[in-house]
Amino acid sequence: MIDKELMEILACPKCKSEVRLDEAAQRIICVSPSCGLRYPIRDGIPVMLIDEAEKPAGC
């Protein structure tokens, strides 16, 4: 789905932390516990816009 090399260079646009791929949910998730934004993947393209991201549960 998302190229491994692309995942290595992507970072959360809000906090600049690393991100991980959640293939089952079709999203990219910030690994920072203080941020944790979840960015959607649409038509195989990561939408790395803060306004499009979902906040983690409990925030």
PDB file of N, CA and C in Angstrom:
ATOM      1  N   MET A   1       0.826  -1.190   0.000  1.00  0.00           N
ATOM      2  CA  MET A   1       0.000   0.000   0.000  1.00  0.00           C
ATOM      3  C   MET A   1       0.872   1.256   0.000  1.00  0.00           C
ATOM      4  N   ILE A   2       1.502   1.588   1.109  1.00  0.00           N
ATOM      5  CA  ILE A   2       2.393   2.750   1.193  1.00  0.00           C
ATOM      6  C   ILE A   2       3.830   2.228   1.149  1.00  0.00           C
ATOM      7  N   ASP A   3       4.634   2.822   0.305  1.00  0.00           N
ATOM      8  CA  ASP A   3       6.018   2.421   0.135  1.00  0.00           C
ATOM      9  C   ASP A   3       6.797   2.563   1.450  1.00  0.00           C
ATOM     10  N   LYS A   4       7.627   1.567   1.751  1.00  0.00           N
ATOM     11  CA  LYS A   4       8.412   1.584   2.997  1.00  0.00           C
ATOM     12  C   LYS A   4       9.350   2.788   3.049  1.00  0.00           C
ATOM     13  N   GLU A   5       9.938   3.148   1.918  1.00  0.00           N
ATOM     14  CA  GLU A   5      10.840   4.306   1.877  1.00  0.00           C
ATOM     15  C   GLU A   5      10.093   5.599   2.192  1.00  0.00           C
ATOM     16  N   LEU A   6       8.864   5.715   1.722  1.00  0.00           N
ATOM     17  CA  LEU A   6       8.055   6.897   2.025  1.00  0.00           C
ATOM     18  C   LEU A   6       7.773   6.968   3.525  1.00  0.00           C
ATOM     19  N   MET A   7       7.435   5.848   4.133  1.00  0.00           N
ATOM     20  CA  MET A   7       7.146   5.830   5.575  1.00  0.00           C
ATOM     21  C   MET A   7       8.361   6.259   6.396  1.00  0.00           C
ATOM     22  N   GLU A   8       9.556   5.958   5.895  1.00  0.00           N
ATOM     23  CA  GLU A   8      10.775   6.328   6.622  1.00  0.00           C
ATOM     24  C   GLU A   8      11.005   7.837   6.648  1.00  0.00           C
ATOM     25  N   ILE A   9      10.506   8.550   5.644  1.00  0.00           N
ATOM     26  CA  ILE A   9      10.740  10.005   5.617  1.00  0.00           C
ATOM     27  C   ILE A   9       9.556  10.820   6.128  1.00  0.00           C
ATOM     28  N   LEU A  10       8.384  10.187   6.257  1.00  0.00           N
ATOM     29  CA  LEU A  10       7.213  10.921   6.756  1.00  0.00           C
ATOM     30  C   LEU A  10       7.362  11.226   8.239  1.00  0.00           C
ATOM     31  N   ALA A  11       6.833  12.366   8.641  1.00  0.00           N
ATOM     32  CA  ALA A  11       6.797  12.760  10.045  1.00  0.00           C
ATOM     33  C   ALA A  11       5.476  13.483  10.291  1.00  0.00           C
ATOM     34  N   CYS A  12       5.051  13.499  11.521  1.00  0.00           N
ATOM     35  CA  CYS A  12       3.825  14.199  11.887  1.00  0.00           C
ATOM     36  C   CYS A  12       4.022  15.692  11.629  1.00  0.00           C
ATOM     37  N   PRO A  13       3.132  16.308  10.843  1.00  0.00           N
ATOM     38  CA  PRO A  13       3.287  17.740  10.570  1.00  0.00           C
ATOM     39  C   PRO A  13       3.082  18.625  11.791  1.00  0.00           C
ATOM     40  N   LYS A  14       2.406  18.110  12.804  1.00  0.00           N
ATOM     41  CA  LYS A  14       2.150  18.930  13.994  1.00  0.00           C
ATOM     42  C   LYS A  14       3.337  18.925  14.956  1.00  0.00           C
ATOM     43  N   CYS A  15       3.816  17.731  15.308  1.00  0.00           N
ATOM     44  CA  CYS A  15       4.863  17.652  16.338  1.00  0.00           C
ATOM     45  C   CYS A  15       6.213  17.161  15.807  1.00  0.00           C
ATOM     46  N   LYS A  16       6.253  16.771  14.530  1.00  0.00           N
ATOM     47  CA  LYS A  16       7.485  16.306  13.858  1.00  0.00           C
ATOM     48  C   LYS A  16       7.982  14.957  14.359  1.00  0.00           C
ATOM     49  N   SER A  17       7.140  14.196  15.067  1.00  0.00           N
ATOM     50  CA  SER A  17       7.516  12.861  15.534  1.00  0.00           C
ATOM     51  C   SER A  17       7.379  11.850  14.413  1.00  0.00           C
ATOM     52  N   GLU A  18       7.907  10.652  14.657  1.00  0.00           N
ATOM     53  CA  GLU A  18       7.770   9.553  13.708  1.00  0.00           C
ATOM     54  C   GLU A  18       6.307   9.147  13.602  1.00  0.00           C
ATOM     55  N   VAL A  19       5.981   8.483  12.508  1.00  0.00           N
ATOM     56  CA  VAL A  19       4.634   7.962  12.306  1.00  0.00           C
ATOM     57  C   VAL A  19       4.723   6.482  11.963  1.00  0.00           C
ATOM     58  N   ARG A  20       3.616   5.787  12.164  1.00  0.00           N
ATOM     59  CA  ARG A  20       3.556   4.363  11.794  1.00  0.00           C
ATOM     60  C   ARG A  20       2.310   4.142  10.947  1.00  0.00           C
ATOM     61  N   LEU A  21       2.356   3.095  10.172  1.00  0.00           N
ATOM     62  CA  LEU A  21       1.267   2.760   9.273  1.00  0.00           C
ATOM     63  C   LEU A  21       0.309   1.791   9.950  1.00  0.00           C
ATOM     64  N   ASP A  22      -0.963   2.086   9.907  1.00  0.00           N
ATOM     65  CA  ASP A  22      -2.018   1.181  10.368  1.00  0.00           C
ATOM     66  C   ASP A  22      -2.791   0.761   9.114  1.00  0.00           C
ATOM     67  N   GLU A  23      -2.326  -0.323   8.480  1.00  0.00           N
ATOM     68  CA  GLU A  23      -2.918  -0.753   7.212  1.00  0.00           C
ATOM     69  C   GLU A  23      -4.379  -1.144   7.352  1.00  0.00           C
ATOM     70  N   ALA A  24      -4.735  -1.792   8.452  1.00  0.00           N
ATOM     71  CA  ALA A  24      -6.113  -2.251   8.649  1.00  0.00           C
ATOM     72  C   ALA A  24      -7.086  -1.079   8.686  1.00  0.00           C
ATOM     73  N   ALA A  25      -6.686   0.013   9.312  1.00  0.00           N
ATOM     74  CA  ALA A  25      -7.570   1.171   9.453  1.00  0.00           C
ATOM     75  C   ALA A  25      -7.346   2.208   8.351  1.00  0.00           C
ATOM     76  N   GLN A  26      -6.394   1.956   7.452  1.00  0.00           N
ATOM     77  CA  GLN A  26      -6.098   2.881   6.361  1.00  0.00           C
ATOM     78  C   GLN A  26      -5.751   4.276   6.884  1.00  0.00           C
ATOM     79  N   ARG A  27      -4.755   4.327   7.781  1.00  0.00           N
ATOM     80  CA  ARG A  27      -4.326   5.614   8.308  1.00  0.00           C
ATOM     81  C   ARG A  27      -2.878   5.550   8.771  1.00  0.00           C
ATOM     82  N   ILE A  28      -2.306   6.711   8.956  1.00  0.00           N
ATOM     83  CA  ILE A  28      -0.956   6.861   9.469  1.00  0.00           C
ATOM     84  C   ILE A  28      -1.081   7.524  10.831  1.00  0.00           C
ATOM     85  N   ILE A  29      -0.403   6.961  11.823  1.00  0.00           N
ATOM     86  CA  ILE A  29      -0.565   7.409  13.208  1.00  0.00           C
ATOM     87  C   ILE A  29       0.742   7.959  13.751  1.00  0.00           C
ATOM     88  N   CYS A  30       0.661   9.129  14.360  1.00  0.00           N
ATOM     89  CA  CYS A  30       1.807   9.731  15.044  1.00  0.00           C
ATOM     90  C   CYS A  30       2.105   8.899  16.290  1.00  0.00           C
ATOM     91  N   VAL A  31       3.384   8.570  16.509  1.00  0.00           N
ATOM     92  CA  VAL A  31       3.755   7.725  17.638  1.00  0.00           C
ATOM     93  C   VAL A  31       3.953   8.502  18.941  1.00  0.00           C
ATOM     94  N   SER A  32       3.928   9.818  18.890  1.00  0.00           N
ATOM     95  CA  SER A  32       4.119  10.627  20.093  1.00  0.00           C
ATOM     96  C   SER A  32       2.910  10.496  21.024  1.00  0.00           C
ATOM     97  N   PRO A  33       3.128  10.120  22.291  1.00  0.00           N
ATOM     98  CA  PRO A  33       2.005   9.997  23.226  1.00  0.00           C
ATOM     99  C   PRO A  33       1.292  11.323  23.480  1.00  0.00           C
ATOM    100  N   SER A  34       1.987  12.437  23.325  1.00  0.00           N
ATOM    101  CA  SER A  34       1.356  13.737  23.569  1.00  0.00           C
ATOM    102  C   SER A  34       0.586  14.254  22.352  1.00  0.00           C
ATOM    103  N   CYS A  35       0.797  13.653  21.192  1.00  0.00           N
ATOM    104  CA  CYS A  35       0.115  14.099  19.969  1.00  0.00           C
ATOM    105  C   CYS A  35      -0.851  13.010  19.494  1.00  0.00           C
ATOM    106  N   GLY A  36      -0.323  11.958  18.891  1.00  0.00           N
ATOM    107  CA  GLY A  36      -1.127  10.807  18.493  1.00  0.00           C
ATOM    108  C   GLY A  36      -2.127  11.037  17.371  1.00  0.00           C
ATOM    109  N   LEU A  37      -1.981  12.106  16.593  1.00  0.00           N
ATOM    110  CA  LEU A  37      -2.932  12.360  15.514  1.00  0.00           C
ATOM    111  C   LEU A  37      -2.932  11.213  14.513  1.00  0.00           C
ATOM    112  N   ARG A  38      -4.089  10.994  13.892  1.00  0.00           N
ATOM    113  CA  ARG A  38      -4.267   9.904  12.930  1.00  0.00           C
ATOM    114  C   ARG A  38      -4.647  10.498  11.585  1.00  0.00           C
ATOM    115  N   TYR A  39      -3.781  10.294  10.615  1.00  0.00           N
ATOM    116  CA  TYR A  39      -3.959  10.880   9.288  1.00  0.00           C
ATOM    117  C   TYR A  39      -4.550   9.850   8.335  1.00  0.00           C
ATOM    118  N   PRO A  40      -5.577  10.214   7.581  1.00  0.00           N
ATOM    119  CA  PRO A  40      -6.209   9.242   6.679  1.00  0.00           C
ATOM    120  C   PRO A  40      -5.355   8.972   5.442  1.00  0.00           C
ATOM    121  N   ILE A  41      -5.614   7.819   4.851  1.00  0.00           N
ATOM    122  CA  ILE A  41      -5.023   7.468   3.559  1.00  0.00           C
ATOM    123  C   ILE A  41      -6.184   7.361   2.586  1.00  0.00           C
ATOM    124  N   ARG A  42      -6.145   8.162   1.535  1.00  0.00           N
ATOM    125  CA  ARG A  42      -7.221   8.164   0.546  1.00  0.00           C
ATOM    126  C   ARG A  42      -6.654   7.796  -0.821  1.00  0.00           C
ATOM    127  N   ASP A  43      -7.210   6.775  -1.424  1.00  0.00           N
ATOM    128  CA  ASP A  43      -6.752   6.305  -2.740  1.00  0.00           C
ATOM    129  C   ASP A  43      -5.252   6.024  -2.749  1.00  0.00           C
ATOM    130  N   GLY A  44      -4.745   5.482  -1.634  1.00  0.00           N
ATOM    131  CA  GLY A  44      -3.336   5.133  -1.533  1.00  0.00           C
ATOM    132  C   GLY A  44      -2.405   6.295  -1.253  1.00  0.00           C
ATOM    133  N   ILE A  45      -2.971   7.475  -0.979  1.00  0.00           N
ATOM    134  CA  ILE A  45      -2.158   8.673  -0.740  1.00  0.00           C
ATOM    135  C   ILE A  45      -2.377   9.167   0.698  1.00  0.00           C
ATOM    136  N   PRO A  46      -1.303   9.283   1.484  1.00  0.00           N
ATOM    137  CA  PRO A  46      -1.441   9.799   2.839  1.00  0.00           C
ATOM    138  C   PRO A  46      -1.838  11.279   2.810  1.00  0.00           C
ATOM    139  N   VAL A  47      -2.861  11.620   3.567  1.00  0.00           N
ATOM    140  CA  VAL A  47      -3.310  13.013   3.667  1.00  0.00           C
ATOM    141  C   VAL A  47      -2.730  13.562   4.974  1.00  0.00           C
ATOM    142  N   MET A  48      -1.547  14.157   4.884  1.00  0.00           N
ATOM    143  CA  MET A  48      -0.812  14.616   6.055  1.00  0.00           C
ATOM    144  C   MET A  48      -1.130  16.081   6.362  1.00  0.00           C
ATOM    145  N   LEU A  49      -2.395  16.372   6.527  1.00  0.00           N
ATOM    146  CA  LEU A  49      -2.854  17.716   6.872  1.00  0.00           C
ATOM    147  C   LEU A  49      -3.430  17.682   8.278  1.00  0.00           C
ATOM    148  N   ILE A  50      -3.002  18.591   9.122  1.00  0.00           N
ATOM    149  CA  ILE A  50      -3.467  18.624  10.508  1.00  0.00           C
ATOM    150  C   ILE A  50      -4.983  18.763  10.574  1.00  0.00           C
ATOM    151  N   ASP A  51      -5.555  19.572   9.702  1.00  0.00           N
ATOM    152  CA  ASP A  51      -7.015  19.774   9.694  1.00  0.00           C
ATOM    153  C   ASP A  51      -7.784  18.510   9.313  1.00  0.00           C
ATOM    154  N   GLU A  52      -7.161  17.580   8.609  1.00  0.00           N
ATOM    155  CA  GLU A  52      -7.809  16.343   8.184  1.00  0.00           C
ATOM    156  C   GLU A  52      -7.602  15.205   9.182  1.00  0.00           C
ATOM    157  N   ALA A  53      -6.718  15.392  10.148  1.00  0.00           N
ATOM    158  CA  ALA A  53      -6.368  14.333  11.094  1.00  0.00           C
ATOM    159  C   ALA A  53      -7.438  14.156  12.168  1.00  0.00           C
ATOM    160  N   GLU A  54      -7.519  12.914  12.670  1.00  0.00           N
ATOM    161  CA  GLU A  54      -8.405  12.606  13.798  1.00  0.00           C
ATOM    162  C   GLU A  54      -7.580  12.633  15.074  1.00  0.00           C
ATOM    163  N   LYS A  55      -8.177  13.119  16.142  1.00  0.00           N
ATOM    164  CA  LYS A  55      -7.514  13.091  17.440  1.00  0.00           C
ATOM    165  C   LYS A  55      -7.703  11.704  18.041  1.00  0.00           C
ATOM    166  N   PRO A  56      -6.748  11.242  18.847  1.00  0.00           N
ATOM    167  CA  PRO A  56      -6.904   9.940  19.494  1.00  0.00           C
ATOM    168  C   PRO A  56      -8.052   9.958  20.494  1.00  0.00           C
ATOM    169  N   ALA A  57      -8.583   8.799  20.787  1.00  0.00           N
ATOM    170  CA  ALA A  57      -9.683   8.689  21.747  1.00  0.00           C
ATOM    171  C   ALA A  57      -9.236   9.250  23.105  1.00  0.00           C
ATOM    172  N   GLY A  58     -10.133   9.979  23.745  1.00  0.00           N
ATOM    173  CA  GLY A  58      -9.850  10.549  25.048  1.00  0.00           C
ATOM    174  C   GLY A  58      -9.243  11.933  25.013  1.00  0.00           C
ATOM    175  N   CYS A  59      -9.141  12.506  23.844  1.00  0.00           N
ATOM    176  CA  CYS A  59      -8.563  13.861  23.742  1.00  0.00           C
ATOM    177  C   CYS A  59      -9.618  14.886  23.431  1.00  0.00           C
TER     178      CYS A  59
END
